[in-house]
Amino acid sequence: MKLCAEECYKEKNSCGERSCRLWIEHDDDFNCTQIAIKKNGSMTLKEVGTRLGISYVRVTQIEKEALKKLEKNRFKEEDTNYNNQ
């Protein structure tokens, strides 16, 4: 877990660092996605949407976009590795 998340979790204080990429608007989990996952385990798309204030359909769209980017980067790495052999 990220150091700032560990500190917030130990001290039971919400994170005030809104610029952090792990920050969420959810005080029960100290505004941190890592703490939310540690406390709650995996979540449904509907639960994620509720926490973020967006629909589960939008969560699905974001998930698909992220997976496409990951797949694209994986192929770039494989191509680079192949060309360097």
C-alpha atoms as a PDB file:
ATOM      1  CA  MET A   1       0.000   0.000   0.000  1.00  0.00           C
ATOM      2  CA  LYS A   2       1.174   3.519  -0.754  1.00  0.00           C
ATOM      3  CA  LEU A   3       2.852   5.253   2.189  1.00  0.00           C
ATOM      4  CA  CYS A   4       0.286   8.062   2.437  1.00  0.00           C
ATOM      5  CA  ALA A   5      -2.549   5.483   2.476  1.00  0.00           C
ATOM      6  CA  GLU A   6      -0.837   3.572   5.282  1.00  0.00           C
ATOM      7  CA  GLU A   7      -0.499   6.771   7.321  1.00  0.00           C
ATOM      8  CA  CYS A   8      -4.156   7.722   6.818  1.00  0.00           C
ATOM      9  CA  TYR A   9      -5.260   4.207   7.721  1.00  0.00           C
ATOM     10  CA  LYS A  10      -3.151   4.058  10.901  1.00  0.00           C
ATOM     11  CA  GLU A  11      -4.124   7.554  12.054  1.00  0.00           C
ATOM     12  CA  LYS A  12      -7.794   7.133  11.014  1.00  0.00           C
ATOM     13  CA  ASN A  13      -7.643  10.447   9.141  1.00  0.00           C
ATOM     14  CA  SER A  14      -9.112  11.231   5.752  1.00  0.00           C
ATOM     15  CA  CYS A  15      -6.669  12.151   3.022  1.00  0.00           C
ATOM     16  CA  GLY A  16      -6.774  15.776   1.991  1.00  0.00           C
ATOM     17  CA  GLU A  17      -4.509  15.353  -1.035  1.00  0.00           C
ATOM     18  CA  ARG A  18      -7.069  15.709  -3.834  1.00  0.00           C
ATOM     19  CA  SER A  19      -4.330  15.707  -6.495  1.00  0.00           C
ATOM     20  CA  CYS A  20      -3.404  12.111  -5.598  1.00  0.00           C
ATOM     21  CA  ARG A  21      -4.523   9.685  -8.319  1.00  0.00           C
ATOM     22  CA  LEU A  22      -5.869   7.365  -5.598  1.00  0.00           C
ATOM     23  CA  TRP A  23      -8.119  10.025  -4.040  1.00  0.00           C
ATOM     24  CA  ILE A  24     -11.899   9.434  -4.030  1.00  0.00           C
ATOM     25  CA  GLU A  25     -14.783  11.351  -2.479  1.00  0.00           C
ATOM     26  CA  HIS A  26     -15.633   8.743   0.150  1.00  0.00           C
ATOM     27  CA  ASP A  27     -14.941   9.653   3.785  1.00  0.00           C
ATOM     28  CA  ASP A  28     -15.721   6.157   5.108  1.00  0.00           C
ATOM     29  CA  ASP A  29     -12.581   4.935   3.360  1.00  0.00           C
ATOM     30  CA  PHE A  30     -10.488   8.006   4.234  1.00  0.00           C
ATOM     31  CA  ASN A  31     -10.813   9.241   0.607  1.00  0.00           C
ATOM     32  CA  CYS A  32      -8.387   6.593  -0.668  1.00  0.00           C
ATOM     33  CA  THR A  33      -9.025   3.824  -3.189  1.00  0.00           C
ATOM     34  CA  GLN A  34      -6.327   1.606  -1.676  1.00  0.00           C
ATOM     35  CA  ILE A  35      -7.949   1.791   1.751  1.00  0.00           C
ATOM     36  CA  ALA A  36     -11.361   1.110   0.178  1.00  0.00           C
ATOM     37  CA  ILE A  37     -10.037  -2.051  -1.457  1.00  0.00           C
ATOM     38  CA  LYS A  38      -8.275  -3.154   1.719  1.00  0.00           C
ATOM     39  CA  LYS A  39     -11.426  -2.641   3.826  1.00  0.00           C
ATOM     40  CA  ASN A  40     -14.067  -3.867   1.375  1.00  0.00           C
ATOM     41  CA  GLY A  41     -12.334  -6.262  -0.996  1.00  0.00           C
ATOM     42  CA  SER A  42     -13.424  -6.334  -4.610  1.00  0.00           C
ATOM     43  CA  MET A  43     -16.474  -4.281  -5.545  1.00  0.00           C
ATOM     44  CA  THR A  44     -19.134  -4.519  -8.232  1.00  0.00           C
ATOM     45  CA  LEU A  45     -19.280  -1.933 -10.985  1.00  0.00           C
ATOM     46  CA  LYS A  46     -22.412  -0.552  -9.362  1.00  0.00           C
ATOM     47  CA  GLU A  47     -20.609  -0.119  -6.013  1.00  0.00           C
ATOM     48  CA  VAL A  48     -17.695   1.612  -7.746  1.00  0.00           C
ATOM     49  CA  GLY A  49     -20.096   3.915  -9.595  1.00  0.00           C
ATOM     50  CA  THR A  50     -21.939   4.797  -6.399  1.00  0.00           C
ATOM     51  CA  ARG A  51     -18.680   5.654  -4.645  1.00  0.00           C
ATOM     52  CA  LEU A  52     -17.509   7.805  -7.554  1.00  0.00           C
ATOM     53  CA  GLY A  53     -20.883   9.408  -8.174  1.00  0.00           C
ATOM     54  CA  ILE A  54     -21.219   8.010 -11.707  1.00  0.00           C
ATOM     55  CA  SER A  55     -23.370   5.300 -13.269  1.00  0.00           C
ATOM     56  CA  TYR A  56     -22.187   1.718 -13.495  1.00  0.00           C
ATOM     57  CA  VAL A  57     -22.519   2.063 -17.276  1.00  0.00           C
ATOM     58  CA  ARG A  58     -19.913   4.841 -17.199  1.00  0.00           C
ATOM     59  CA  VAL A  59     -17.686   2.668 -14.995  1.00  0.00           C
ATOM     60  CA  THR A  60     -17.960  -0.055 -17.639  1.00  0.00           C
ATOM     61  CA  GLN A  61     -17.004   2.418 -20.372  1.00  0.00           C
ATOM     62  CA  ILE A  62     -13.962   3.576 -18.393  1.00  0.00           C
ATOM     63  CA  GLU A  63     -12.982  -0.042 -17.723  1.00  0.00           C
ATOM     64  CA  LYS A  64     -13.163  -0.905 -21.448  1.00  0.00           C
ATOM     65  CA  GLU A  65     -11.082   2.155 -22.366  1.00  0.00           C
ATOM     66  CA  ALA A  66      -8.447   1.240 -19.780  1.00  0.00           C
ATOM     67  CA  LEU A  67      -8.267  -2.370 -20.962  1.00  0.00           C
ATOM     68  CA  LYS A  68      -7.822  -1.197 -24.573  1.00  0.00           C
ATOM     69  CA  LYS A  69      -4.924   1.038 -23.510  1.00  0.00           C
ATOM     70  CA  LEU A  70      -3.307  -1.784 -21.558  1.00  0.00           C
ATOM     71  CA  GLU A  71      -3.666  -4.161 -24.491  1.00  0.00           C
ATOM     72  CA  LYS A  72      -2.246  -1.566 -26.888  1.00  0.00           C
ATOM     73  CA  ASN A  73       0.764  -0.997 -24.618  1.00  0.00           C
ATOM     74  CA  ARG A  74       1.304  -4.737 -24.258  1.00  0.00           C
ATOM     75  CA  PHE A  75       1.522  -5.139 -28.029  1.00  0.00           C
ATOM     76  CA  LYS A  76       3.950  -2.208 -28.232  1.00  0.00           C
ATOM     77  CA  GLU A  77       6.188  -3.876 -25.628  1.00  0.00           C
ATOM     78  CA  GLU A  78       6.019  -7.243 -27.382  1.00  0.00           C
ATOM     79  CA  ASP A  79       6.875  -5.610 -30.701  1.00  0.00           C
ATOM     80  CA  THR A  80       9.787  -3.722 -29.134  1.00  0.00           C
ATOM     81  CA  ASN A  81      11.088  -6.889 -27.453  1.00  0.00           C
ATOM     82  CA  TYR A  82      10.830  -8.817 -30.727  1.00  0.00           C
ATOM     83  CA  ASN A  83      12.702  -6.136 -32.685  1.00  0.00           C
ATOM     84  CA  ASN A  84      15.516  -6.019 -30.113  1.00  0.00           C
ATOM     85  CA  GLN A  85      16.310  -9.740 -30.413  1.00  0.00           C
END
